[in-house]
Protein backbone atom coordinates (compact mmCIF):
# COMPACT_ATOMS: atom_id res chain seq x y z
CA MET A 1 0.00 0.00 0.00
CA ASN A 2 2.78 2.41 0.88
CA ILE A 3 4.59 1.42 -2.30
CA ARG A 4 1.52 2.35 -4.40
CA ILE A 5 1.12 5.70 -2.63
CA SER A 6 4.78 6.52 -3.23
CA TYR A 7 4.38 5.62 -6.92
CA PHE A 8 1.46 8.03 -7.36
CA ILE A 9 3.33 10.77 -5.54
CA VAL A 10 6.26 10.34 -7.93
CA VAL A 11 3.94 10.46 -10.96
CA ILE A 12 2.24 13.63 -9.72
CA ALA A 13 5.61 15.22 -9.05
CA VAL A 14 6.84 14.40 -12.54
CA LEU A 15 3.69 15.84 -14.10
CA CYS A 16 4.07 19.02 -12.06
CA LEU A 17 7.69 19.37 -13.13
CA GLN A 18 6.72 18.87 -16.79
CA THR A 19 4.01 21.53 -16.50
CA LEU A 20 6.38 24.00 -14.88
CA SER A 21 9.06 23.20 -17.45
CA ALA A 22 6.66 23.79 -20.34
CA PHE A 23 5.58 27.10 -18.83
CA ALA A 24 9.15 28.19 -18.31
CA VAL A 25 10.13 27.35 -21.89
CA SER A 26 7.13 29.12 -23.38
CA THR A 27 8.07 32.33 -21.61
CA ASN A 28 11.85 32.03 -22.05
CA GLU A 29 12.35 31.15 -25.72
CA ILE A 30 15.76 31.94 -27.17
CA ALA A 31 14.52 32.47 -30.73
CA ILE A 32 11.32 33.05 -32.70
CA ALA A 33 10.63 31.55 -36.12
CA THR A 34 7.98 33.39 -38.12
CA ILE A 35 6.19 33.01 -41.43
CA VAL A 36 6.34 36.56 -42.79
CA ASN A 37 4.15 38.41 -45.28
CA PRO A 38 2.32 35.55 -46.99
CA LEU A 39 0.81 36.89 -50.18
CA LEU A 40 -1.20 35.50 -53.06
CA GLU A 41 1.00 37.29 -55.57
CA LYS A 42 -0.92 35.86 -58.53
CA ASP A 43 -3.93 33.59 -58.77
CA ASN A 44 -1.59 30.58 -59.14
CA GLU A 45 1.29 31.80 -56.95
CA LEU A 46 1.70 32.05 -53.17
CA GLN A 47 4.76 33.73 -51.67
CA PHE A 48 5.95 33.78 -48.07
CA SER A 49 9.15 34.41 -46.09
CA VAL A 50 10.69 32.58 -43.15
CA ASN A 51 12.54 34.63 -40.52
CA VAL A 52 14.41 33.65 -37.34
CA THR A 53 14.69 36.27 -34.60
CA ARG A 54 17.34 36.04 -31.90
CA THR A 55 15.98 37.03 -28.48
CA THR A 56 18.82 36.19 -26.07
CA ASP A 57 22.57 36.31 -25.45
CA GLU A 58 22.58 32.53 -25.14
CA TRP A 59 23.57 32.15 -28.79
CA VAL A 60 25.09 34.28 -31.56
CA ARG A 61 25.49 32.30 -34.79
CA TRP A 62 22.76 30.32 -36.51
CA ALA A 63 23.64 26.83 -37.74
CA ASN A 64 20.78 25.12 -39.57
CA GLY A 65 17.11 24.27 -39.52
CA THR A 66 14.24 22.36 -41.06
CA PHE A 67 10.93 24.17 -41.44
CA GLN A 68 7.75 22.23 -42.20
CA ILE A 69 4.74 24.22 -43.38
CA GLU A 70 1.17 23.30 -44.23
CA LEU A 71 -1.45 24.88 -46.47
CA PHE A 72 -5.11 24.67 -45.56
CA GLY A 73 -8.07 25.40 -47.79
CA GLY A 74 -10.45 23.68 -50.12
CA GLY A 75 -8.79 22.26 -53.20
CA ILE A 76 -5.15 22.27 -52.01
CA ASN A 77 -3.38 19.50 -53.91
CA TYR A 78 0.29 19.12 -52.93
CA HIS A 79 0.92 16.85 -55.92
CA ASN A 80 0.21 19.85 -58.15
CA LEU A 81 2.58 22.24 -56.33
CA GLY A 82 6.12 23.38 -56.97
CA ILE A 83 8.35 25.58 -54.80
CA GLU A 84 11.49 27.65 -55.25
CA LEU A 85 13.65 30.09 -53.31
CA LEU A 86 13.40 33.58 -54.77
CA PRO A 87 16.78 35.04 -55.82
CA ASP A 88 18.53 37.42 -53.40
CA SER A 89 15.92 36.85 -50.69
CA THR A 90 18.11 35.32 -47.98
CA ASP A 91 20.63 36.83 -45.56
CA LEU A 92 22.59 33.57 -45.54
CA ASN A 93 25.81 33.24 -47.54
CA LEU A 94 25.03 30.53 -50.07
CA LYS A 95 28.72 29.72 -50.25
CA TYR A 96 28.34 28.14 -46.81
CA TYR A 97 24.60 27.41 -46.62
CA THR A 98 22.40 25.18 -48.77
CA ILE A 99 18.67 25.99 -48.81
CA THR A 100 16.47 23.22 -50.19
CA PRO A 101 12.73 23.87 -50.48
CA ARG A 102 10.54 21.00 -51.64
CA ILE A 103 7.01 19.67 -51.62
CA VAL A 104 6.86 16.46 -49.58
CA THR A 105 4.40 13.84 -50.81
CA LEU A 106 4.35 10.06 -50.81
CA GLU A 107 5.17 9.99 -54.52
CA LEU A 108 8.26 12.19 -54.09
CA VAL A 109 9.67 10.14 -51.19
CA PRO A 110 9.11 6.46 -52.10
CA GLY A 111 9.48 3.99 -49.28
CA SER A 112 9.19 6.63 -46.57
CA LYS A 113 6.47 6.88 -43.99
CA ILE A 114 4.81 10.19 -44.89
CA THR A 115 2.72 11.47 -42.01
CA LYS A 116 1.27 14.37 -44.01
CA ASP A 117 1.78 16.22 -47.28
CA ARG A 118 3.61 19.47 -46.60
CA ILE A 119 6.13 22.11 -47.63
CA SER A 120 9.61 21.34 -46.35
CA ILE A 121 12.48 23.85 -46.24
CA THR A 122 15.83 22.41 -45.19
CA VAL A 123 18.81 24.66 -44.47
CA LEU A 124 22.25 23.06 -44.09
CA GLY A 125 24.93 25.28 -42.62
CA PRO A 126 28.74 25.28 -42.43
CA LYS A 127 30.91 23.14 -40.18
CA ASP A 128 32.91 25.98 -38.72
CA TYR A 129 31.65 28.56 -36.24
CA SER A 130 33.45 31.38 -38.06
CA GLN A 131 31.52 30.69 -41.27
CA ALA A 132 28.11 30.54 -39.58
CA HIS A 133 25.82 33.54 -39.95
CA GLU A 134 25.85 35.96 -37.02
CA VAL A 135 22.34 37.04 -36.01
CA ILE A 136 21.98 40.48 -34.44
CA LEU A 137 20.26 40.65 -31.07
CA ASP A 138 17.54 42.98 -32.33
CA THR A 139 13.91 41.99 -32.79
CA ALA A 140 13.64 44.51 -35.65
CA LYS A 141 16.46 42.80 -37.57
CA PRO A 142 15.73 39.08 -37.79
CA LEU A 143 17.63 36.57 -39.90
CA LYS A 144 15.92 36.33 -43.28
CA VAL A 145 16.10 32.65 -44.10
CA GLY A 146 14.46 33.32 -47.47
CA ARG A 147 11.34 34.16 -49.42
CA PHE A 148 9.72 31.27 -51.21
CA ARG A 149 7.39 30.98 -54.18
CA VAL A 150 4.83 28.18 -54.20
CA PHE A 151 3.04 27.70 -57.51
CA THR A 152 0.60 25.30 -59.11
CA LEU A 153 2.16 23.15 -61.81
CA ASP A 154 -0.87 23.41 -64.10
CA ASN A 155 -1.40 27.17 -63.43
CA SER A 156 -4.71 26.52 -61.68
CA PRO A 157 -5.62 29.19 -59.07
CA PHE A 158 -5.15 28.85 -55.33
CA PRO A 159 -8.38 29.05 -53.33
CA LEU A 160 -8.82 32.55 -51.92
CA GLN A 161 -9.49 31.02 -48.47
CA VAL A 162 -6.05 29.34 -48.35
CA THR A 163 -4.28 29.49 -44.97
CA ILE A 164 -0.57 28.94 -44.28
CA ASP A 165 0.77 27.67 -40.94
CA TRP A 166 3.50 25.62 -39.28
CA ALA A 167 3.08 21.85 -39.39
CA THR A 168 2.19 20.47 -35.97
CA PRO A 169 3.14 19.05 -33.55
CA VAL A 170 5.95 21.57 -33.63
CA LEU A 171 8.46 19.47 -31.69
CA TYR A 172 8.04 16.65 -34.21
CA TYR A 173 8.21 18.62 -37.45
CA GLN A 174 10.33 21.70 -36.70
CA THR A 175 13.97 21.97 -35.77
CA THR A 176 16.62 24.68 -35.72
CA ALA A 177 20.07 24.96 -34.17
CA TYR A 178 22.75 27.48 -33.31
CA LYS A 179 26.53 27.15 -33.46
CA LEU A 180 28.79 26.65 -30.41
CA LEU A 181 32.27 28.17 -30.47
CA ASN A 182 33.84 26.16 -27.63
CA ASP A 183 33.03 23.57 -25.01
CA SER A 184 31.29 25.98 -22.65
CA ILE A 185 28.56 23.35 -22.46
CA PRO A 186 30.36 20.35 -20.98
CA TRP A 187 28.94 17.65 -23.25
CA HIS A 188 29.62 19.52 -26.51
CA PHE A 189 32.73 20.36 -28.48
CA GLY A 190 33.79 23.44 -30.41
CA ASP A 191 32.03 24.07 -33.78
CA ASN A 192 29.12 21.88 -32.67
CA ASN A 193 25.48 22.59 -33.45
CA ILE A 194 23.18 23.03 -30.46
CA GLU A 195 19.56 22.24 -31.21
CA MET A 196 17.14 24.76 -29.79
CA ARG A 197 14.47 22.07 -29.38
CA ASN A 198 11.50 23.54 -27.54
CA LYS A 199 13.30 26.78 -26.72
CA ILE A 200 12.17 28.33 -29.99
CA LEU A 201 8.74 29.85 -30.52
CA TYR A 202 7.02 29.25 -33.87
CA LYS A 203 4.62 32.06 -34.63
CA SER A 204 1.83 31.17 -37.00
CA THR A 205 0.41 33.39 -39.70
CA GLN A 206 -3.04 32.83 -41.03
CA ARG A 207 -4.62 33.76 -44.37
CA PRO A 208 -2.36 35.34 -46.99
CA GLY A 209 -3.14 38.77 -48.26
CA ILE A 210 -4.16 39.66 -51.80
CA PRO A 211 -2.15 42.36 -53.61
CA ILE A 212 -3.63 45.83 -53.25
CA MET A 213 -5.52 46.73 -56.39
CA GLN A 214 -3.72 49.38 -58.42
CA LEU A 215 -5.83 51.55 -60.71
CA SER A 216 -4.18 53.51 -63.51
CA LEU A 217 -5.94 56.22 -65.54
CA CYS A 218 -3.16 58.19 -67.21
CA ASP A 219 -1.51 55.48 -69.32
CA SER A 220 -3.75 56.02 -72.34
CA THR A 221 -5.82 59.11 -71.47
CA HIS A 222 -5.26 62.11 -73.73
CA TYR A 223 -6.84 65.00 -75.59
CA GLU A 224 -8.38 63.60 -78.75
CA GLY A 225 -9.21 66.88 -80.52
CA GLN A 226 -12.42 68.87 -81.06
CA LYS A 227 -12.69 69.35 -77.24
CA ILE A 228 -12.95 65.58 -76.75
CA VAL A 229 -10.92 63.73 -74.09
CA ARG A 230 -10.33 60.00 -74.51
CA LEU A 231 -10.13 58.13 -71.22
CA SER A 232 -8.96 54.55 -70.73
CA TRP A 233 -7.96 52.82 -67.51
CA SER A 234 -6.45 49.58 -66.32
CA THR A 235 -5.94 47.50 -63.18
CA ASN A 236 -3.14 45.18 -62.11
CA GLY A 237 -5.77 42.81 -60.69
CA GLU A 238 -8.97 43.44 -58.80
CA ARG A 239 -10.25 42.96 -55.29
CA ASN A 240 -13.99 43.34 -54.71
CA SER A 241 -14.14 45.49 -57.85
CA PHE A 242 -17.56 45.49 -59.50
CA GLY A 243 -17.63 48.82 -61.33
CA PHE A 244 -16.15 52.26 -61.84
CA ASP A 245 -17.21 55.90 -61.53
CA ILE A 246 -15.51 58.66 -63.54
CA MET A 247 -15.38 62.17 -62.04
CA ARG A 248 -14.24 65.47 -63.57
CA ALA A 249 -13.06 68.77 -62.11
CA LEU A 250 -11.80 72.07 -63.51
CA LEU A 251 -8.51 73.19 -62.00
CA PRO A 252 -8.96 76.66 -60.47
CA PHE A 253 -6.18 79.22 -60.54
CA GLY A 254 -3.51 78.61 -57.92
CA GLU A 255 -4.56 75.06 -57.02
CA THR A 256 -2.15 72.17 -57.64
CA ASP A 257 -3.51 69.30 -55.51
CA PRO A 258 -5.99 67.19 -57.53
CA SER A 259 -7.43 65.62 -54.37
CA LYS A 260 -8.73 69.05 -53.19
CA LEU A 261 -10.81 69.79 -56.27
CA THR A 262 -14.57 69.61 -56.48
CA TYR A 263 -15.44 66.67 -58.72
CA THR A 264 -18.65 65.94 -60.58
CA LYS A 265 -19.53 62.43 -61.69
CA ILE A 266 -19.74 62.30 -65.48
CA ALA A 267 -20.03 58.53 -66.06
CA SER A 268 -20.73 55.31 -64.21
CA PHE A 269 -19.94 51.74 -65.24
CA PRO A 270 -21.71 49.37 -62.84
CA ASN A 271 -21.07 45.63 -63.07
CA SER A 272 -18.08 46.19 -65.35
CA GLY A 273 -15.45 45.03 -62.83
CA HIS A 274 -14.34 41.45 -62.35
CA GLY A 275 -14.91 40.93 -58.62
CA THR A 276 -11.77 39.52 -57.04
CA THR A 277 -9.13 38.38 -59.49
CA PHE A 278 -5.37 38.54 -59.95
CA LYS A 279 -5.58 39.14 -63.68
CA PRO A 280 -4.94 42.65 -65.07
CA TYR A 281 -7.75 44.24 -67.07
CA SER A 282 -8.06 47.22 -69.40
CA TYR A 283 -11.20 49.34 -69.78
CA GLY A 284 -12.50 51.99 -72.12
CA PRO A 285 -12.27 54.06 -74.09
CA TYR A 286 -14.77 56.58 -72.76
CA TYR A 287 -15.05 59.94 -74.57
CA ASP A 288 -15.80 63.12 -72.64
CA THR A 289 -16.62 66.45 -74.31
CA VAL A 290 -15.43 69.49 -72.34
CA GLU A 291 -16.85 73.00 -72.50
CA THR A 292 -13.91 75.37 -72.17
CA ARG A 293 -10.61 75.73 -74.02
CA GLY A 294 -7.39 76.89 -72.43
CA GLU A 295 -8.10 75.03 -69.19
CA LYS A 296 -6.67 72.05 -67.32
CA TYR A 297 -9.23 69.37 -66.48
CA PHE A 298 -8.65 66.71 -63.88
CA TYR A 299 -10.26 63.30 -64.06
CA LYS A 300 -10.63 60.80 -61.25
CA ILE A 301 -11.70 57.19 -61.56
CA ILE A 302 -12.93 55.26 -58.52
CA SER A 303 -13.25 51.51 -58.09
CA MET A 304 -16.73 50.61 -56.83
CA SER A 305 -17.41 47.59 -54.61
CA SER A 306 -20.22 45.05 -54.80
CA GLU A 307 -22.26 47.36 -52.52
CA ASN A 308 -21.82 50.17 -55.10
CA VAL A 309 -19.73 52.25 -52.72
CA PRO A 310 -16.08 53.29 -53.21
CA ASN A 311 -13.75 50.31 -52.92
CA LEU A 312 -11.13 50.51 -50.14
CA ASP A 313 -7.65 49.05 -49.94
CA THR A 314 -6.30 47.24 -46.88
CA SER A 315 -5.35 50.56 -45.24
CA GLY A 316 -8.88 51.96 -45.64
CA LYS A 317 -8.07 54.37 -48.51
CA VAL A 318 -10.31 54.69 -51.54
CA ILE A 319 -8.88 52.94 -54.61
CA GLU A 320 -8.73 55.72 -57.19
CA SER A 321 -6.52 57.27 -59.83
CA TYR A 322 -6.09 60.82 -61.16
CA CYS A 323 -5.15 62.23 -64.53
CA SER A 324 -4.96 65.76 -65.96
CA VAL A 325 -5.58 66.91 -69.53
CA ASP A 326 -4.84 70.33 -71.03
CA ILE A 327 -7.39 71.69 -73.51
CA PRO A 328 -5.53 73.88 -76.03
CA TYR A 329 -6.34 77.42 -77.12
CA ALA A 330 -4.01 77.52 -80.14
CA VAL A 331 -4.46 75.17 -83.05
CA ILE A 332 -1.31 75.65 -85.15
CA VAL A 333 1.44 75.65 -82.56
CA GLN A 334 4.52 74.88 -84.60
CA ALA A 335 5.65 75.30 -88.24
CA ALA A 336 9.23 75.36 -89.54
CA PRO A 337 11.15 74.32 -92.70
CA ARG A 338 13.67 71.51 -92.44
CA GLN A 339 16.02 73.34 -94.80
CA ASN A 340 16.17 77.12 -95.17
CA PRO A 341 17.53 78.70 -97.36
CA PHE A 342 17.10 76.18 -100.20
CA SER A 343 17.47 76.10 -103.99
CA GLU A 344 15.08 73.38 -105.15
CA GLY A 345 12.55 72.89 -102.37
CA THR A 346 12.01 72.12 -98.71
CA ILE A 347 9.69 70.27 -96.35
CA ILE A 348 7.75 72.23 -93.74
CA ASP A 349 6.99 70.44 -90.48
CA TYR A 350 4.02 71.59 -88.46
CA LYS A 351 2.07 70.58 -85.38
CA LEU A 352 -1.65 70.91 -84.72
CA ASP A 353 -3.14 70.95 -81.27
CA ASP A 354 -6.56 70.07 -82.60
CA ASP A 355 -8.41 68.62 -85.57
CA VAL A 356 -8.82 71.24 -88.31
CA TYR A 357 -9.56 71.88 -91.94
CA LEU A 358 -6.23 73.21 -93.17
CA THR A 359 -5.23 75.47 -96.05
CA VAL A 360 -1.58 76.20 -96.95
CA LYS A 361 -0.78 78.82 -99.62
CA ILE A 362 2.54 80.08 -100.98
CA TYR A 363 3.18 83.81 -101.71
CA ASP A 364 6.12 85.08 -103.78
CA PRO A 365 8.50 87.95 -102.83
CA ILE A 366 6.08 90.62 -104.11
CA GLY A 367 3.12 89.20 -102.17
CA GLN A 368 1.29 87.40 -104.96
CA GLU A 369 -0.30 84.00 -104.33
CA VAL A 370 1.53 81.50 -106.53
CA GLU A 371 0.52 78.05 -105.24
CA THR A 372 -1.86 76.20 -102.93
CA LEU A 373 -0.19 73.24 -101.16
CA VAL A 374 -3.20 72.20 -99.06
CA ASP A 375 -6.74 73.24 -99.88
CA ASN A 376 -9.18 73.05 -96.95
CA GLN A 377 -8.27 69.46 -96.13
CA PHE A 378 -8.94 67.66 -92.84
CA ARG A 379 -5.90 67.19 -90.67
CA LYS A 380 -5.86 65.28 -87.39
CA ILE A 381 -4.31 66.61 -84.19
CA GLY A 382 -0.58 65.88 -84.10
CA PHE A 383 2.55 66.26 -86.25
CA HIS A 384 2.47 66.64 -90.05
CA ASP A 385 4.58 67.91 -92.92
CA VAL A 386 4.03 69.44 -96.35
CA ASN A 387 6.42 69.56 -99.30
CA PHE A 388 7.18 72.82 -101.11
CA GLU A 389 8.69 72.22 -104.56
CA ALA A 390 10.32 75.52 -105.67
CA SER A 391 12.28 74.48 -108.79
CA LYS A 392 9.55 75.86 -111.07
CA PHE A 393 9.90 79.36 -109.66
CA ALA A 394 12.51 81.50 -111.42
CA VAL A 395 12.47 84.41 -109.01
CA GLN A 396 14.68 83.98 -105.97
CA GLY A 397 13.99 85.76 -102.71
CA MET A 398 11.80 85.50 -99.63
CA TYR A 399 8.61 83.44 -100.02
CA GLU A 400 5.90 82.92 -97.42
CA ALA A 401 3.91 79.77 -96.57
CA VAL A 402 0.66 80.83 -94.91
CA PHE A 403 -1.14 78.17 -92.84
CA THR A 404 -4.81 78.74 -92.06
CA ALA A 405 -6.64 76.31 -89.78
CA HIS A 406 -10.43 76.30 -89.55
CA PRO A 407 -11.79 74.85 -86.27
CA ILE A 408 -14.37 72.06 -86.53
CA ASN A 409 -17.78 72.70 -84.94
CA ASP A 410 -16.27 75.10 -82.42
CA ASN A 411 -17.14 78.79 -82.23
CA SER A 412 -14.97 79.32 -79.15
CA VAL A 413 -11.76 79.55 -81.19
CA GLU A 414 -11.11 81.81 -84.18
CA LEU A 415 -9.14 80.95 -87.28
CA SER A 416 -5.58 79.98 -86.48
CA ARG A 417 -2.79 81.22 -88.75
CA ALA A 418 0.94 80.69 -89.03
CA VAL A 419 3.36 82.32 -91.49
CA VAL A 420 6.61 80.57 -92.41
CA LYS A 421 9.38 82.59 -94.12
CA LEU A 422 11.11 80.64 -96.91
CA GLN A 423 14.26 81.85 -98.71
CA LEU A 424 14.79 80.62 -102.26
CA VAL A 425 18.32 81.08 -103.59
CA ARG A 426 19.70 80.38 -107.09
């Protein structure tokens, strides 16, 4: 009877010691391993980083480790996954360290007892203490083991509800070690690896983020001519994007900040977005007719959510993009000969800031009209040229090319003229 009582007392004492030991370890870890910034970079690509943070003076140089990671979510098929270390993403010197990421499945490891499909990242370090990576004792400067790209082999998308976490139980799947310089621990020798065992805390990270939607309006927005602005926009991928609103504002004198202007909605495109997707999309064109020349107009496009309210990014800011367009006063803004003086002829380059009906006439040195090069012909906004062939004119001297541009359906601008002096020499 006394023997049985003593046995139970011993068992209770052991259990108490184990409980106290577990509590002490959980509050006195010497390092923290963390899955950092998991991100669904594309619909078929998941990226994440692994960091190790030193939290004590007990060790200085990191030796090696094996990190086992699981993905959770409907439709995760490890047999359809690949993994790679992204270039230049590790603090470790790859001359001394070998980082091997792989997808562990029964098919990839024949004859082994696979307890679960998983991501495995093995890091083998150097033999010598001097070659091992020194980790700074600073929680803001952890050791960056590496950033890894997990992708589907057939380019099928990851489920948006995917979750990434450490494989458990931690003590079975995870291991990491530091380097010992000398035999300060009696049962070890210099240059040995000391396993951290349960003195390292593995912090879990849950659902990966989706890239913040970027909306671009200015890439292909420009003045089209005839007081018409052509607007097109694009996204790098969309998150809860189900439509767009286009706003317009006139820039008042002295104001430079487009976000402080008073905007009026000029167009709405409900149900034109693509919900949540990682694919880039292009939209438009939309044509806006403005009222006033000689002004700067600002346009703003806003991504609208499924509730038909402005879409917000992860920081709570409205997803929007701005673009400015100048509406010209002048029509003919540039005209000059490529060669002047000349003996046989020359080409006159000119630029129009709007669509016009153009007439170009040549006048001789005594002011008489001698030739019409362009007779009331339509010319589009942009750069053009016209050829003046002068070999048939016997009289040398100063000629004039007179450009006259007639505005199209616009009474707000008068005729635009430009005179180009041309010197004919024999």
